[in-house]
């Protein structure tokens, strides 16, 4: 099975360089890597690798950048694996993906086990991420666990099941919950599976992300939009909105140094005011 790795990036060329170097260590190398970025200023000056690396430029926003890569990949590869530029896969990651899809023809999506996730903290350095992988205990092969969706920092998808499905470009810029929207729709084609034996570390780098107000708006507007679209369960989306709203409200008095809680809360409240008036527009963050 031919595997392409897609890296959608914004403002972090040094992380793309580090990820490409990590991919060289895979026991099963990718057949190709596609880097999708708004322009050449977002990618490293050199991408020389033992596997083919191509760059696609001209679109901004995670869903749009992933879509342009899909258009280039679908007819040429059996598996497309999406890695965030700050995700470090274990050296056996792609070999595990290939073997699992080969054994399980009804699997549509595989998402790996994130050993540490800096997205929920101040973030991790590359050295910390590599150390976490080195210290991880070996894991025995285990059956896949059915999931509602894949986790966007690391998810592999059987291209034969994608068809005309694309990431929703109304979820602009950071595209929060675009992974949930896209992969949950693939459950009608096959299983969406979490596999503990396929592992990595998500550094959760804070650069290249949207402002606190914009992200706070997306925390409310995007789940409500997906409820209307019918791609996420009502309980899942409302629980997500409530959790983030309460966290931003509670921590706005003593915010963490790495989170703009007050900005997020302002964005939450602005989105709620829009939703109450019947205005559900994820792309409104472009006007903020």
C-alpha atoms as a PDB file:
ATOM      1  CA  UNK A   1       0.000   0.000   0.000  1.00  0.00           C
ATOM      2  CA  UNK A   2       1.362   3.410  -0.957  1.00  0.00           C
ATOM      3  CA  UNK A   3       1.406   5.986   1.839  1.00  0.00           C
ATOM      4  CA  UNK A   4       1.624   9.761   1.523  1.00  0.00           C
ATOM      5  CA  UNK A   5       2.184  11.991   4.532  1.00  0.00           C
ATOM      6  CA  UNK A   6       0.497  15.393   4.390  1.00  0.00           C
ATOM      7  CA  UNK A   7       1.785  18.287   6.502  1.00  0.00           C
ATOM      8  CA  UNK A   8      -0.329  21.451   6.488  1.00  0.00           C
ATOM      9  CA  UNK A   9       1.748  24.210   8.053  1.00  0.00           C
ATOM     10  CA  UNK A  10       1.617  27.900   8.857  1.00  0.00           C
ATOM     11  CA  UNK A  11       4.508  29.988  10.138  1.00  0.00           C
ATOM     12  CA  UNK A  12       6.619  27.113  11.461  1.00  0.00           C
ATOM     13  CA  UNK A  13       9.244  26.115   8.846  1.00  0.00           C
ATOM     14  CA  UNK A  14      11.684  24.995  11.538  1.00  0.00           C
ATOM     15  CA  UNK A  15       9.182  22.434  12.798  1.00  0.00           C
ATOM     16  CA  UNK A  16       8.617  21.093   9.293  1.00  0.00           C
ATOM     17  CA  UNK A  17      12.374  20.557   9.020  1.00  0.00           C
ATOM     18  CA  UNK A  18      12.415  18.618  12.297  1.00  0.00           C
ATOM     19  CA  UNK A  19       9.424  16.495  11.286  1.00  0.00           C
ATOM     20  CA  UNK A  20      10.971  15.592   7.918  1.00  0.00           C
ATOM     21  CA  UNK A  21      14.101  14.471   9.763  1.00  0.00           C
ATOM     22  CA  UNK A  22      11.971  12.303  12.063  1.00  0.00           C
ATOM     23  CA  UNK A  23      10.219  10.730   9.084  1.00  0.00           C
ATOM     24  CA  UNK A  24      13.618   9.596   7.796  1.00  0.00           C
ATOM     25  CA  UNK A  25      13.742   7.290  10.857  1.00  0.00           C
ATOM     26  CA  UNK A  26      10.525   5.442  10.014  1.00  0.00           C
ATOM     27  CA  UNK A  27      11.016   1.704   9.631  1.00  0.00           C
ATOM     28  CA  UNK A  28       8.599   1.984   6.724  1.00  0.00           C
ATOM     29  CA  UNK A  29       9.356   5.226   4.866  1.00  0.00           C
ATOM     30  CA  UNK A  30       6.536   7.239   3.321  1.00  0.00           C
ATOM     31  CA  UNK A  31       6.228   6.911  -0.432  1.00  0.00           C
ATOM     32  CA  UNK A  32       5.915  10.695  -0.577  1.00  0.00           C
ATOM     33  CA  UNK A  33       5.386  13.765   1.598  1.00  0.00           C
ATOM     34  CA  UNK A  34       3.238  16.736   0.622  1.00  0.00           C
ATOM     35  CA  UNK A  35       3.736  20.047   2.427  1.00  0.00           C
ATOM     36  CA  UNK A  36       0.823  22.466   2.063  1.00  0.00           C
ATOM     37  CA  UNK A  37       1.397  26.117   2.986  1.00  0.00           C
ATOM     38  CA  UNK A  38       0.141  29.610   2.076  1.00  0.00           C
ATOM     39  CA  UNK A  39       3.452  30.604   0.454  1.00  0.00           C
ATOM     40  CA  UNK A  40       7.133  29.763   0.367  1.00  0.00           C
ATOM     41  CA  UNK A  41       7.828  31.780   3.515  1.00  0.00           C
ATOM     42  CA  UNK A  42       6.119  29.070   5.580  1.00  0.00           C
ATOM     43  CA  UNK A  43       8.290  26.145   4.461  1.00  0.00           C
ATOM     44  CA  UNK A  44      11.986  25.343   4.984  1.00  0.00           C
ATOM     45  CA  UNK A  45      14.410  26.483   2.311  1.00  0.00           C
ATOM     46  CA  UNK A  46      15.561  22.897   1.809  1.00  0.00           C
ATOM     47  CA  UNK A  47      13.409  19.765   1.933  1.00  0.00           C
ATOM     48  CA  UNK A  48      15.965  17.265   0.628  1.00  0.00           C
ATOM     49  CA  UNK A  49      14.967  13.770   1.785  1.00  0.00           C
ATOM     50  CA  UNK A  50      15.340  10.135   0.779  1.00  0.00           C
ATOM     51  CA  UNK A  51      11.623  10.162  -0.119  1.00  0.00           C
ATOM     52  CA  UNK A  52       9.936  12.565  -2.568  1.00  0.00           C
ATOM     53  CA  UNK A  53       8.799  15.839  -0.986  1.00  0.00           C
ATOM     54  CA  UNK A  54       6.523  18.235  -2.869  1.00  0.00           C
ATOM     55  CA  UNK A  55       5.092  21.583  -1.796  1.00  0.00           C
ATOM     56  CA  UNK A  56       1.695  23.034  -2.601  1.00  0.00           C
ATOM     57  CA  UNK A  57       1.251  26.773  -2.079  1.00  0.00           C
ATOM     58  CA  UNK A  58      -1.547  29.292  -2.307  1.00  0.00           C
ATOM     59  CA  UNK A  59      -4.159  28.465   0.336  1.00  0.00           C
ATOM     60  CA  UNK A  60      -4.457  29.619   3.941  1.00  0.00           C
ATOM     61  CA  UNK A  61      -6.359  27.734   6.622  1.00  0.00           C
ATOM     62  CA  UNK A  62      -6.047  24.145   7.791  1.00  0.00           C
ATOM     63  CA  UNK A  63      -9.081  22.693   5.933  1.00  0.00           C
ATOM     64  CA  UNK A  64      -8.173  24.454   2.679  1.00  0.00           C
ATOM     65  CA  UNK A  65      -4.528  23.405   2.906  1.00  0.00           C
ATOM     66  CA  UNK A  66      -5.496  19.809   3.573  1.00  0.00           C
ATOM     67  CA  UNK A  67      -7.934  19.829   0.668  1.00  0.00           C
ATOM     68  CA  UNK A  68      -5.369  20.995  -1.856  1.00  0.00           C
ATOM     69  CA  UNK A  69      -3.140  18.128  -0.713  1.00  0.00           C
ATOM     70  CA  UNK A  70      -5.999  15.636  -1.031  1.00  0.00           C
ATOM     71  CA  UNK A  71      -6.614  16.710  -4.613  1.00  0.00           C
ATOM     72  CA  UNK A  72      -3.000  15.906  -5.417  1.00  0.00           C
ATOM     73  CA  UNK A  73      -2.907  12.613  -3.504  1.00  0.00           C
ATOM     74  CA  UNK A  74      -6.158  10.700  -3.889  1.00  0.00           C
ATOM     75  CA  UNK A  75      -5.495   9.053  -7.234  1.00  0.00           C
ATOM     76  CA  UNK A  76      -1.886   8.164  -6.438  1.00  0.00           C
ATOM     77  CA  UNK A  77      -1.880   6.700  -2.935  1.00  0.00           C
ATOM     78  CA  UNK A  78      -3.772   4.125  -0.894  1.00  0.00           C
ATOM     79  CA  UNK A  79      -3.316   5.823   2.475  1.00  0.00           C
ATOM     80  CA  UNK A  80      -3.055   9.507   3.344  1.00  0.00           C
ATOM     81  CA  UNK A  81      -1.605  10.237   6.777  1.00  0.00           C
ATOM     82  CA  UNK A  82      -2.057  13.710   8.223  1.00  0.00           C
ATOM     83  CA  UNK A  83       0.588  14.885  10.686  1.00  0.00           C
ATOM     84  CA  UNK A  84       0.642  18.267  12.368  1.00  0.00           C
ATOM     85  CA  UNK A  85       4.058  19.856  11.934  1.00  0.00           C
ATOM     86  CA  UNK A  86       4.601  19.512  15.708  1.00  0.00           C
ATOM     87  CA  UNK A  87       3.706  15.824  15.937  1.00  0.00           C
ATOM     88  CA  UNK A  88       6.523  13.306  16.450  1.00  0.00           C
ATOM     89  CA  UNK A  89       5.563   9.802  15.277  1.00  0.00           C
ATOM     90  CA  UNK A  90       7.178   6.748  16.775  1.00  0.00           C
ATOM     91  CA  UNK A  91       9.587   5.160  14.300  1.00  0.00           C
ATOM     92  CA  UNK A  92       7.178   2.264  13.630  1.00  0.00           C
ATOM     93  CA  UNK A  93       4.137   4.498  13.069  1.00  0.00           C
ATOM     94  CA  UNK A  94       3.778   4.173   9.294  1.00  0.00           C
ATOM     95  CA  UNK A  95       4.649   0.468   9.359  1.00  0.00           C
ATOM     96  CA  UNK A  96       1.861  -0.035  11.884  1.00  0.00           C
ATOM     97  CA  UNK A  97      -0.617   1.940   9.806  1.00  0.00           C
ATOM     98  CA  UNK A  98       0.214  -0.024   6.669  1.00  0.00           C
ATOM     99  CA  UNK A  99      -0.079  -3.385   8.437  1.00  0.00           C
ATOM    100  CA  UNK A 100      -3.367  -2.466  10.140  1.00  0.00           C
ATOM    101  CA  UNK A 101      -5.063  -1.286   6.949  1.00  0.00           C
ATOM    102  CA  UNK A 102      -3.805  -4.369   5.133  1.00  0.00           C
ATOM    103  CA  UNK A 103      -5.309  -6.685   7.763  1.00  0.00           C
ATOM    104  CA  UNK A 104      -8.548  -4.749   8.257  1.00  0.00           C
ATOM    105  CA  UNK A 105     -10.129  -3.836   4.883  1.00  0.00           C
ATOM    106  CA  UNK A 106     -13.178  -2.322   6.600  1.00  0.00           C
ATOM    107  CA  UNK A 107     -11.148   0.286   8.517  1.00  0.00           C
ATOM    108  CA  UNK A 108     -11.530   3.817   7.121  1.00  0.00           C
ATOM    109  CA  UNK A 109      -9.529   5.856   9.647  1.00  0.00           C
ATOM    110  CA  UNK A 110      -6.770   5.063  12.116  1.00  0.00           C
ATOM    111  CA  UNK A 111      -5.776   7.577  14.781  1.00  0.00           C
ATOM    112  CA  UNK A 112      -2.763   6.879  16.952  1.00  0.00           C
ATOM    113  CA  UNK A 113      -2.159   6.936  20.687  1.00  0.00           C
ATOM    114  CA  UNK A 114      -0.865  10.355  21.771  1.00  0.00           C
ATOM    115  CA  UNK A 115       1.536   9.595  24.615  1.00  0.00           C
ATOM    116  CA  UNK A 116       1.855  13.250  25.612  1.00  0.00           C
ATOM    117  CA  UNK A 117      -0.162  16.166  24.290  1.00  0.00           C
ATOM    118  CA  UNK A 118       1.265  19.640  24.712  1.00  0.00           C
ATOM    119  CA  UNK A 119      -1.941  21.145  23.343  1.00  0.00           C
ATOM    120  CA  UNK A 120      -3.416  20.901  26.843  1.00  0.00           C
ATOM    121  CA  UNK A 121      -0.411  22.499  28.550  1.00  0.00           C
ATOM    122  CA  UNK A 122       2.286  25.080  27.893  1.00  0.00           C
ATOM    123  CA  UNK A 123       3.563  22.817  25.128  1.00  0.00           C
ATOM    124  CA  UNK A 124       6.582  20.562  24.772  1.00  0.00           C
ATOM    125  CA  UNK A 125       9.970  21.021  23.133  1.00  0.00           C
ATOM    126  CA  UNK A 126      11.251  18.640  20.486  1.00  0.00           C
ATOM    127  CA  UNK A 127      13.762  17.246  22.975  1.00  0.00           C
ATOM    128  CA  UNK A 128      10.985  16.586  25.487  1.00  0.00           C
ATOM    129  CA  UNK A 129       8.860  14.895  22.840  1.00  0.00           C
ATOM    130  CA  UNK A 130      11.694  12.646  21.660  1.00  0.00           C
ATOM    131  CA  UNK A 131      12.524  11.763  25.276  1.00  0.00           C
ATOM    132  CA  UNK A 132       8.873  10.849  25.947  1.00  0.00           C
ATOM    133  CA  UNK A 133       8.954   8.428  23.018  1.00  0.00           C
ATOM    134  CA  UNK A 134      12.280   6.952  24.131  1.00  0.00           C
ATOM    135  CA  UNK A 135      10.963   6.352  27.665  1.00  0.00           C
ATOM    136  CA  UNK A 136       7.639   4.815  26.563  1.00  0.00           C
ATOM    137  CA  UNK A 137       7.241   1.165  27.477  1.00  0.00           C
ATOM    138  CA  UNK A 138       6.792  -1.280  24.599  1.00  0.00           C
ATOM    139  CA  UNK A 139       3.162  -1.958  23.826  1.00  0.00           C
ATOM    140  CA  UNK A 140       1.595  -5.208  22.754  1.00  0.00           C
ATOM    141  CA  UNK A 141      -0.596  -5.253  19.677  1.00  0.00           C
ATOM    142  CA  UNK A 142      -4.197  -4.682  20.739  1.00  0.00           C
ATOM    143  CA  UNK A 143      -7.524  -4.563  18.912  1.00  0.00           C
ATOM    144  CA  UNK A 144      -8.666  -1.196  17.612  1.00  0.00           C
ATOM    145  CA  UNK A 145     -11.131   0.848  19.651  1.00  0.00           C
ATOM    146  CA  UNK A 146     -13.999   2.455  17.745  1.00  0.00           C
ATOM    147  CA  UNK A 147     -13.957   6.256  17.883  1.00  0.00           C
ATOM    148  CA  UNK A 148     -16.353   9.016  16.904  1.00  0.00           C
ATOM    149  CA  UNK A 149     -13.544  10.653  14.935  1.00  0.00           C
ATOM    150  CA  UNK A 150      -9.831  10.874  14.313  1.00  0.00           C
ATOM    151  CA  UNK A 151      -7.520  13.331  16.068  1.00  0.00           C
ATOM    152  CA  UNK A 152      -6.198  15.813  13.514  1.00  0.00           C
ATOM    153  CA  UNK A 153      -2.587  15.877  14.732  1.00  0.00           C
ATOM    154  CA  UNK A 154      -2.200  12.266  13.587  1.00  0.00           C
ATOM    155  CA  UNK A 155      -4.713  10.362  11.514  1.00  0.00           C
ATOM    156  CA  UNK A 156      -4.382   7.975   8.596  1.00  0.00           C
ATOM    157  CA  UNK A 157      -7.205   7.502   6.104  1.00  0.00           C
ATOM    158  CA  UNK A 158      -7.869   4.911   3.410  1.00  0.00           C
ATOM    159  CA  UNK A 159      -8.134   7.035   0.274  1.00  0.00           C
ATOM    160  CA  UNK A 160     -10.592   4.655  -1.462  1.00  0.00           C
ATOM    161  CA  UNK A 161     -13.204   5.666   1.115  1.00  0.00           C
ATOM    162  CA  UNK A 162     -12.759   9.430   0.747  1.00  0.00           C
ATOM    163  CA  UNK A 163     -14.387   9.921  -2.645  1.00  0.00           C
ATOM    164  CA  UNK A 164     -15.728  13.477  -2.964  1.00  0.00           C
ATOM    165  CA  UNK A 165     -15.554  14.200   0.763  1.00  0.00           C
ATOM    166  CA  UNK A 166     -13.414  17.201   1.673  1.00  0.00           C
ATOM    167  CA  UNK A 167     -12.588  19.216   4.764  1.00  0.00           C
ATOM    168  CA  UNK A 168     -15.136  21.966   5.327  1.00  0.00           C
ATOM    169  CA  UNK A 169     -13.510  25.249   4.303  1.00  0.00           C
ATOM    170  CA  UNK A 170     -16.125  27.256   6.198  1.00  0.00           C
ATOM    171  CA  UNK A 171     -14.104  26.226   9.260  1.00  0.00           C
ATOM    172  CA  UNK A 172     -11.532  28.856   8.359  1.00  0.00           C
ATOM    173  CA  UNK A 173      -7.977  29.450   9.573  1.00  0.00           C
ATOM    174  CA  UNK A 174      -7.170  27.025  12.422  1.00  0.00           C
ATOM    175  CA  UNK A 175     -10.256  25.026  11.416  1.00  0.00           C
ATOM    176  CA  UNK A 176     -11.104  23.905  14.938  1.00  0.00           C
ATOM    177  CA  UNK A 177     -13.078  20.596  14.884  1.00  0.00           C
ATOM    178  CA  UNK A 178     -12.446  20.071  11.171  1.00  0.00           C
ATOM    179  CA  UNK A 179     -10.970  16.666  12.021  1.00  0.00           C
ATOM    180  CA  UNK A 180     -14.157  15.651  13.842  1.00  0.00           C
ATOM    181  CA  UNK A 181     -16.353  16.816  10.970  1.00  0.00           C
ATOM    182  CA  UNK A 182     -14.316  15.070   8.260  1.00  0.00           C
ATOM    183  CA  UNK A 183     -13.558  11.716   9.868  1.00  0.00           C
ATOM    184  CA  UNK A 184     -16.953  11.233  11.521  1.00  0.00           C
ATOM    185  CA  UNK A 185     -18.506  11.278   8.043  1.00  0.00           C
ATOM    186  CA  UNK A 186     -16.277   8.366   7.028  1.00  0.00           C
ATOM    187  CA  UNK A 187     -17.981   6.087   9.547  1.00  0.00           C
ATOM    188  CA  UNK A 188     -20.604   5.299   6.903  1.00  0.00           C
ATOM    189  CA  UNK A 189     -17.796   3.804   4.781  1.00  0.00           C
ATOM    190  CA  UNK A 190     -15.832   1.939   7.452  1.00  0.00           C
ATOM    191  CA  UNK A 191     -14.610   1.918  11.019  1.00  0.00           C
ATOM    192  CA  UNK A 192     -12.862   4.880  12.634  1.00  0.00           C
ATOM    193  CA  UNK A 193     -10.377   3.289  14.991  1.00  0.00           C
ATOM    194  CA  UNK A 194      -7.962   4.315  17.718  1.00  0.00           C
ATOM    195  CA  UNK A 195      -4.925   2.030  17.873  1.00  0.00           C
ATOM    196  CA  UNK A 196      -2.728   2.113  20.986  1.00  0.00           C
ATOM    197  CA  UNK A 197       0.198   0.373  19.290  1.00  0.00           C
ATOM    198  CA  UNK A 198       0.615   3.293  16.865  1.00  0.00           C
ATOM    199  CA  UNK A 199       2.050   6.109  18.923  1.00  0.00           C
ATOM    200  CA  UNK A 200       3.471   9.597  18.936  1.00  0.00           C
ATOM    201  CA  UNK A 201       3.820  12.866  20.832  1.00  0.00           C
ATOM    202  CA  UNK A 202       2.008  16.103  20.024  1.00  0.00           C
ATOM    203  CA  UNK A 203       4.133  19.058  21.083  1.00  0.00           C
ATOM    204  CA  UNK A 204       1.289  21.579  21.048  1.00  0.00           C
ATOM    205  CA  UNK A 205       3.466  24.452  19.808  1.00  0.00           C
ATOM    206  CA  UNK A 206       1.668  27.759  20.364  1.00  0.00           C
ATOM    207  CA  UNK A 207       3.088  29.767  17.461  1.00  0.00           C
ATOM    208  CA  UNK A 208       1.143  29.906  14.213  1.00  0.00           C
ATOM    209  CA  UNK A 209      -2.261  29.767  15.923  1.00  0.00           C
ATOM    210  CA  UNK A 210      -5.110  32.251  15.825  1.00  0.00           C
ATOM    211  CA  UNK A 211      -5.747  34.952  18.449  1.00  0.00           C
ATOM    212  CA  UNK A 212      -7.572  34.210  21.682  1.00  0.00           C
ATOM    213  CA  UNK A 213     -10.716  36.050  20.586  1.00  0.00           C
ATOM    214  CA  UNK A 214     -10.845  34.231  17.267  1.00  0.00           C
ATOM    215  CA  UNK A 215     -10.252  30.861  18.857  1.00  0.00           C
ATOM    216  CA  UNK A 216     -12.873  31.556  21.518  1.00  0.00           C
ATOM    217  CA  UNK A 217     -15.392  32.414  18.812  1.00  0.00           C
ATOM    218  CA  UNK A 218     -14.600  29.130  17.040  1.00  0.00           C
ATOM    219  CA  UNK A 219     -15.010  27.198  20.300  1.00  0.00           C
ATOM    220  CA  UNK A 220     -18.716  28.039  20.181  1.00  0.00           C
ATOM    221  CA  UNK A 221     -19.511  28.730  16.533  1.00  0.00           C
ATOM    222  CA  UNK A 222     -17.833  25.669  15.022  1.00  0.00           C
ATOM    223  CA  UNK A 223     -19.578  23.003  17.155  1.00  0.00           C
ATOM    224  CA  UNK A 224     -22.964  24.714  16.695  1.00  0.00           C
ATOM    225  CA  UNK A 225     -22.354  24.834  12.946  1.00  0.00           C
ATOM    226  CA  UNK A 226     -21.533  21.105  12.923  1.00  0.00           C
ATOM    227  CA  UNK A 227     -24.702  20.335  14.887  1.00  0.00           C
ATOM    228  CA  UNK A 228     -26.685  22.083  12.156  1.00  0.00           C
ATOM    229  CA  UNK A 229     -24.690  20.267   9.507  1.00  0.00           C
ATOM    230  CA  UNK A 230     -25.471  16.959  11.203  1.00  0.00           C
ATOM    231  CA  UNK A 231     -21.929  15.628  11.404  1.00  0.00           C
ATOM    232  CA  UNK A 232     -21.542  15.579  15.203  1.00  0.00           C
ATOM    233  CA  UNK A 233     -23.933  14.405  17.930  1.00  0.00           C
ATOM    234  CA  UNK A 234     -25.764  17.142  19.811  1.00  0.00           C
ATOM    235  CA  UNK A 235     -24.519  15.914  23.198  1.00  0.00           C
ATOM    236  CA  UNK A 236     -20.882  15.820  22.029  1.00  0.00           C
ATOM    237  CA  UNK A 237     -20.964  19.372  20.671  1.00  0.00           C
ATOM    238  CA  UNK A 238     -22.839  20.930  23.588  1.00  0.00           C
ATOM    239  CA  UNK A 239     -20.563  19.228  26.113  1.00  0.00           C
ATOM    240  CA  UNK A 240     -17.550  20.588  24.220  1.00  0.00           C
ATOM    241  CA  UNK A 241     -18.946  24.131  24.160  1.00  0.00           C
ATOM    242  CA  UNK A 242     -19.890  23.999  27.844  1.00  0.00           C
ATOM    243  CA  UNK A 243     -16.513  22.629  28.906  1.00  0.00           C
ATOM    244  CA  UNK A 244     -14.570  25.352  27.106  1.00  0.00           C
ATOM    245  CA  UNK A 245     -16.890  28.163  28.195  1.00  0.00           C
ATOM    246  CA  UNK A 246     -16.647  27.143  31.857  1.00  0.00           C
ATOM    247  CA  UNK A 247     -12.861  26.750  31.645  1.00  0.00           C
ATOM    248  CA  UNK A 248     -12.422  30.185  30.100  1.00  0.00           C
ATOM    249  CA  UNK A 249     -14.789  31.762  32.620  1.00  0.00           C
ATOM    250  CA  UNK A 250     -13.185  30.114  35.648  1.00  0.00           C
ATOM    251  CA  UNK A 251      -9.605  30.818  34.605  1.00  0.00           C
ATOM    252  CA  UNK A 252     -10.078  34.331  33.249  1.00  0.00           C
ATOM    253  CA  UNK A 253      -9.252  35.776  36.688  1.00  0.00           C
ATOM    254  CA  UNK A 254      -5.949  33.866  36.943  1.00  0.00           C
ATOM    255  CA  UNK A 255      -5.143  32.817  33.373  1.00  0.00           C
ATOM    256  CA  UNK A 256      -2.265  30.582  32.415  1.00  0.00           C
ATOM    257  CA  UNK A 257       0.669  32.408  30.844  1.00  0.00           C
ATOM    258  CA  UNK A 258       0.275  30.448  27.616  1.00  0.00           C
ATOM    259  CA  UNK A 259      -3.501  30.861  27.123  1.00  0.00           C
ATOM    260  CA  UNK A 260      -5.396  34.064  26.400  1.00  0.00           C
ATOM    261  CA  UNK A 261      -8.362  33.083  28.574  1.00  0.00           C
ATOM    262  CA  UNK A 262      -9.907  36.542  28.571  1.00  0.00           C
ATOM    263  CA  UNK A 263      -9.670  36.767  24.805  1.00  0.00           C
ATOM    264  CA  UNK A 264     -11.214  33.321  24.463  1.00  0.00           C
ATOM    265  CA  UNK A 265     -14.029  34.268  26.832  1.00  0.00           C
ATOM    266  CA  UNK A 266     -14.776  37.418  24.793  1.00  0.00           C
ATOM    267  CA  UNK A 267     -14.863  35.263  21.683  1.00  0.00           C
ATOM    268  CA  UNK A 268     -17.153  32.723  23.398  1.00  0.00           C
ATOM    269  CA  UNK A 269     -19.610  35.435  24.433  1.00  0.00           C
ATOM    270  CA  UNK A 270     -19.575  37.082  20.997  1.00  0.00           C
ATOM    271  CA  UNK A 271     -20.349  33.755  19.328  1.00  0.00           C
ATOM    272  CA  UNK A 272     -23.135  33.013  21.808  1.00  0.00           C
ATOM    273  CA  UNK A 273     -24.709  36.385  21.062  1.00  0.00           C
ATOM    274  CA  UNK A 274     -24.590  35.555  17.340  1.00  0.00           C
ATOM    275  CA  UNK A 275     -26.029  32.063  17.816  1.00  0.00           C
ATOM    276  CA  UNK A 276     -28.902  33.423  19.921  1.00  0.00           C
ATOM    277  CA  UNK A 277     -29.751  35.702  17.000  1.00  0.00           C
ATOM    278  CA  UNK A 278     -29.588  32.800  14.552  1.00  0.00           C
ATOM    279  CA  UNK A 279     -26.236  33.732  13.075  1.00  0.00           C
ATOM    280  CA  UNK A 280     -24.023  30.641  12.811  1.00  0.00           C
ATOM    281  CA  UNK A 281     -21.012  31.600  10.698  1.00  0.00           C
ATOM    282  CA  UNK A 282     -17.633  30.017  11.518  1.00  0.00           C
ATOM    283  CA  UNK A 283     -15.990  32.270   8.933  1.00  0.00           C
ATOM    284  CA  UNK A 284     -16.938  35.384  10.930  1.00  0.00           C
ATOM    285  CA  UNK A 285     -13.540  35.134  12.645  1.00  0.00           C
ATOM    286  CA  UNK A 286     -12.028  36.622   9.465  1.00  0.00           C
ATOM    287  CA  UNK A 287     -13.772  39.877  10.450  1.00  0.00           C
ATOM    288  CA  UNK A 288     -12.413  39.931  13.999  1.00  0.00           C
END
